[in-house]
Amino acid sequence: MDMIQIIEMVMIQIIKIITIQIGMDMIQIIEMMIIEKMIDVKILLMIQIMAVISIIEMILKVVIIKIKMEIIIEMVVEEQQQKE
């Protein structure tokens, strides 16, 4: 287990937690709206699309962070090799 794998695992767990939280919040909001008869099918679709977009955004952010970390680690490795 190297550092990258550990960080990846932590990130995946964080995404899961946040995704589940977003999902739960969305479900509660939708349930409330249905109970209040406030919701339209179009609005429901919009909410679902928004949820999907926000999850995709989060995944992209994590991918970007992962790429940045890989670059930093490569730079550190190169520096160490130059010292040797």
N, C-alpha and C. Protein backbone atom coordinates (compact mmCIF):
# COMPACT_ATOMS: atom_id res chain seq x y z
N MET A 1 0.85 -1.21 0.00
CA MET A 1 0.00 0.00 0.00
C MET A 1 0.88 1.25 0.00
N ASP A 2 0.90 1.95 -1.10
CA ASP A 2 1.64 3.21 -1.09
C ASP A 2 0.69 4.37 -0.82
N MET A 3 1.27 5.54 -0.73
CA MET A 3 0.53 6.74 -0.35
C MET A 3 -0.62 7.02 -1.32
N ILE A 4 -0.37 6.85 -2.62
CA ILE A 4 -1.40 7.17 -3.63
C ILE A 4 -2.63 6.30 -3.42
N GLN A 5 -2.41 4.99 -3.19
CA GLN A 5 -3.54 4.08 -3.00
C GLN A 5 -4.36 4.45 -1.77
N ILE A 6 -3.66 4.81 -0.69
CA ILE A 6 -4.35 5.19 0.54
C ILE A 6 -5.21 6.42 0.28
N ILE A 7 -4.63 7.42 -0.38
CA ILE A 7 -5.36 8.67 -0.65
C ILE A 7 -6.55 8.39 -1.57
N GLU A 8 -6.35 7.53 -2.57
CA GLU A 8 -7.45 7.17 -3.48
C GLU A 8 -8.59 6.55 -2.70
N MET A 9 -8.26 5.61 -1.80
CA MET A 9 -9.29 4.95 -0.99
C MET A 9 -10.07 5.97 -0.17
N VAL A 10 -9.34 6.88 0.47
CA VAL A 10 -9.99 7.91 1.29
C VAL A 10 -10.91 8.76 0.43
N MET A 11 -10.44 9.16 -0.75
CA MET A 11 -11.25 10.00 -1.65
C MET A 11 -12.51 9.27 -2.07
N ILE A 12 -12.37 7.99 -2.41
CA ILE A 12 -13.54 7.21 -2.84
C ILE A 12 -14.56 7.16 -1.71
N GLN A 13 -14.10 6.95 -0.48
CA GLN A 13 -15.01 6.92 0.67
C GLN A 13 -15.71 8.26 0.83
N ILE A 14 -14.95 9.35 0.70
CA ILE A 14 -15.54 10.69 0.84
C ILE A 14 -16.61 10.91 -0.22
N ILE A 15 -16.30 10.52 -1.47
CA ILE A 15 -17.29 10.67 -2.56
C ILE A 15 -18.55 9.89 -2.23
N LYS A 16 -18.38 8.63 -1.76
CA LYS A 16 -19.54 7.79 -1.43
C LYS A 16 -20.40 8.48 -0.38
N ILE A 17 -19.76 8.97 0.68
CA ILE A 17 -20.49 9.61 1.78
C ILE A 17 -21.25 10.83 1.26
N ILE A 18 -20.56 11.68 0.50
CA ILE A 18 -21.19 12.92 0.01
C ILE A 18 -22.31 12.59 -0.97
N THR A 19 -22.06 11.61 -1.85
CA THR A 19 -23.07 11.22 -2.84
C THR A 19 -24.32 10.71 -2.14
N ILE A 20 -24.12 9.85 -1.13
CA ILE A 20 -25.26 9.31 -0.37
C ILE A 20 -26.00 10.46 0.31
N GLN A 21 -25.25 11.39 0.89
CA GLN A 21 -25.85 12.53 1.58
C GLN A 21 -26.70 13.36 0.61
N ILE A 22 -26.12 13.67 -0.56
CA ILE A 22 -26.86 14.43 -1.57
C ILE A 22 -28.13 13.68 -1.95
N GLY A 23 -27.99 12.36 -2.17
CA GLY A 23 -29.13 11.53 -2.54
C GLY A 23 -30.22 11.58 -1.49
N MET A 24 -29.83 11.43 -0.21
CA MET A 24 -30.79 11.45 0.90
C MET A 24 -31.51 12.79 0.95
N ASP A 25 -30.73 13.87 0.85
CA ASP A 25 -31.33 15.22 0.89
C ASP A 25 -32.33 15.38 -0.25
N MET A 26 -31.94 14.94 -1.44
CA MET A 26 -32.82 15.04 -2.61
C MET A 26 -34.12 14.27 -2.37
N ILE A 27 -33.98 13.04 -1.86
CA ILE A 27 -35.16 12.20 -1.62
C ILE A 27 -36.10 12.89 -0.63
N GLN A 28 -35.53 13.44 0.46
CA GLN A 28 -36.36 14.13 1.46
C GLN A 28 -37.08 15.32 0.85
N ILE A 29 -36.36 16.10 0.05
CA ILE A 29 -36.97 17.28 -0.58
C ILE A 29 -38.11 16.84 -1.50
N ILE A 30 -37.86 15.80 -2.30
CA ILE A 30 -38.87 15.32 -3.25
C ILE A 30 -40.09 14.79 -2.49
N GLU A 31 -39.84 14.01 -1.41
CA GLU A 31 -40.95 13.48 -0.61
C GLU A 31 -41.80 14.61 -0.05
N MET A 32 -41.13 15.63 0.49
CA MET A 32 -41.85 16.79 1.03
C MET A 32 -42.72 17.43 -0.05
N MET A 33 -42.13 17.60 -1.24
CA MET A 33 -42.85 18.25 -2.33
C MET A 33 -44.05 17.42 -2.77
N ILE A 34 -43.87 16.09 -2.81
CA ILE A 34 -44.98 15.21 -3.21
C ILE A 34 -46.10 15.32 -2.18
N ILE A 35 -45.74 15.29 -0.89
CA ILE A 35 -46.72 15.39 0.19
C ILE A 35 -47.47 16.72 0.07
N GLU A 36 -46.73 17.78 -0.21
CA GLU A 36 -47.33 19.12 -0.30
C GLU A 36 -48.02 19.34 -1.65
N LYS A 37 -47.96 18.34 -2.55
CA LYS A 37 -48.53 18.44 -3.90
C LYS A 37 -47.94 19.65 -4.64
N MET A 38 -46.67 19.93 -4.35
CA MET A 38 -46.03 21.10 -4.96
C MET A 38 -45.25 20.72 -6.21
N ILE A 39 -45.11 19.41 -6.42
CA ILE A 39 -44.12 19.01 -7.42
C ILE A 39 -44.77 18.63 -8.74
N ASP A 40 -44.08 18.98 -9.78
CA ASP A 40 -44.50 18.69 -11.14
C ASP A 40 -43.50 17.66 -11.68
N VAL A 41 -43.90 16.90 -12.68
CA VAL A 41 -42.98 15.90 -13.25
C VAL A 41 -41.75 16.58 -13.83
N LYS A 42 -41.95 17.74 -14.46
CA LYS A 42 -40.83 18.48 -15.06
C LYS A 42 -39.83 18.88 -13.98
N ILE A 43 -40.35 19.35 -12.85
CA ILE A 43 -39.47 19.77 -11.74
C ILE A 43 -38.70 18.56 -11.23
N LEU A 44 -39.39 17.42 -11.12
CA LEU A 44 -38.75 16.19 -10.65
C LEU A 44 -37.58 15.83 -11.56
N LEU A 45 -37.81 15.89 -12.87
CA LEU A 45 -36.75 15.59 -13.83
C LEU A 45 -35.59 16.56 -13.67
N MET A 46 -35.91 17.85 -13.51
CA MET A 46 -34.86 18.86 -13.32
C MET A 46 -34.01 18.53 -12.10
N ILE A 47 -34.69 18.17 -11.01
CA ILE A 47 -33.96 17.86 -9.76
C ILE A 47 -33.04 16.66 -10.00
N GLN A 48 -33.55 15.64 -10.68
CA GLN A 48 -32.74 14.45 -10.95
C GLN A 48 -31.53 14.81 -11.81
N ILE A 49 -31.74 15.63 -12.83
CA ILE A 49 -30.63 16.05 -13.70
C ILE A 49 -29.60 16.82 -12.88
N MET A 50 -30.07 17.73 -12.02
CA MET A 50 -29.17 18.52 -11.17
C MET A 50 -28.34 17.60 -10.27
N ALA A 51 -29.00 16.58 -9.70
CA ALA A 51 -28.30 15.65 -8.81
C ALA A 51 -27.20 14.93 -9.58
N VAL A 52 -27.53 14.46 -10.77
CA VAL A 52 -26.54 13.75 -11.60
C VAL A 52 -25.38 14.67 -11.93
N ILE A 53 -25.70 15.92 -12.31
CA ILE A 53 -24.65 16.88 -12.65
C ILE A 53 -23.74 17.12 -11.45
N SER A 54 -24.33 17.29 -10.26
CA SER A 54 -23.50 17.58 -9.08
C SER A 54 -22.60 16.39 -8.75
N ILE A 55 -23.10 15.17 -8.94
CA ILE A 55 -22.28 13.98 -8.68
C ILE A 55 -21.13 13.92 -9.69
N ILE A 56 -21.43 14.18 -10.96
CA ILE A 56 -20.39 14.18 -12.00
C ILE A 56 -19.34 15.23 -11.68
N GLU A 57 -19.78 16.43 -11.25
CA GLU A 57 -18.85 17.50 -10.88
C GLU A 57 -17.90 17.02 -9.79
N MET A 58 -18.46 16.36 -8.77
CA MET A 58 -17.62 15.89 -7.66
C MET A 58 -16.60 14.87 -8.13
N ILE A 59 -17.04 13.96 -9.00
CA ILE A 59 -16.12 12.93 -9.51
C ILE A 59 -15.00 13.61 -10.29
N LEU A 60 -15.34 14.59 -11.12
CA LEU A 60 -14.33 15.32 -11.89
C LEU A 60 -13.34 16.01 -10.97
N LYS A 61 -13.85 16.64 -9.89
CA LYS A 61 -12.96 17.32 -8.94
C LYS A 61 -11.96 16.34 -8.36
N VAL A 62 -12.44 15.15 -7.99
CA VAL A 62 -11.56 14.14 -7.40
C VAL A 62 -10.53 13.69 -8.42
N VAL A 63 -10.97 13.48 -9.67
CA VAL A 63 -10.04 13.07 -10.73
C VAL A 63 -8.96 14.13 -10.90
N ILE A 64 -9.36 15.40 -10.89
CA ILE A 64 -8.39 16.50 -11.03
C ILE A 64 -7.40 16.48 -9.87
N ILE A 65 -7.92 16.32 -8.65
CA ILE A 65 -7.05 16.27 -7.47
C ILE A 65 -6.07 15.11 -7.61
N LYS A 66 -6.57 13.95 -8.06
CA LYS A 66 -5.73 12.76 -8.22
C LYS A 66 -4.61 13.04 -9.22
N ILE A 67 -4.96 13.66 -10.35
CA ILE A 67 -3.96 13.97 -11.38
C ILE A 67 -2.91 14.92 -10.81
N LYS A 68 -3.36 15.97 -10.10
CA LYS A 68 -2.43 16.92 -9.49
C LYS A 68 -1.48 16.20 -8.54
N MET A 69 -2.03 15.29 -7.74
CA MET A 69 -1.20 14.56 -6.77
C MET A 69 -0.17 13.70 -7.49
N GLU A 70 -0.61 13.04 -8.57
CA GLU A 70 0.33 12.20 -9.32
C GLU A 70 1.47 13.04 -9.88
N ILE A 71 1.14 14.24 -10.37
CA ILE A 71 2.17 15.14 -10.90
C ILE A 71 3.14 15.53 -9.79
N ILE A 72 2.60 15.89 -8.62
CA ILE A 72 3.45 16.28 -7.48
C ILE A 72 4.36 15.12 -7.09
N ILE A 73 3.79 13.92 -7.01
CA ILE A 73 4.58 12.75 -6.62
C ILE A 73 5.69 12.49 -7.64
N GLU A 74 5.36 12.61 -8.94
CA GLU A 74 6.37 12.44 -9.99
C GLU A 74 7.50 13.45 -9.81
N MET A 75 7.15 14.70 -9.51
CA MET A 75 8.16 15.75 -9.33
C MET A 75 9.07 15.41 -8.15
N VAL A 76 8.47 14.93 -7.06
CA VAL A 76 9.25 14.57 -5.87
C VAL A 76 10.20 13.43 -6.20
N VAL A 77 9.69 12.42 -6.91
CA VAL A 77 10.52 11.27 -7.29
C VAL A 77 11.68 11.73 -8.17
N GLU A 78 11.40 12.60 -9.14
CA GLU A 78 12.46 13.12 -10.02
C GLU A 78 13.52 13.87 -9.22
N GLU A 79 13.08 14.68 -8.27
CA GLU A 79 14.02 15.43 -7.42
C GLU A 79 14.94 14.48 -6.67
N GLN A 80 14.35 13.43 -6.11
CA GLN A 80 15.14 12.46 -5.35
C GLN A 80 16.15 11.76 -6.25
N GLN A 81 15.72 11.43 -7.47
CA GLN A 81 16.62 10.76 -8.41
C GLN A 81 17.78 11.69 -8.80
N GLN A 82 17.49 12.96 -8.96
CA GLN A 82 18.54 13.93 -9.31
C GLN A 82 19.56 14.05 -8.18
N LYS A 83 19.08 13.99 -6.93
CA LYS A 83 19.99 14.09 -5.78
C LYS A 83 20.95 12.90 -5.75
N GLU A 84 20.42 11.72 -6.12
CA GLU A 84 21.26 10.52 -6.15
C GLU A 84 22.18 10.61 -7.34
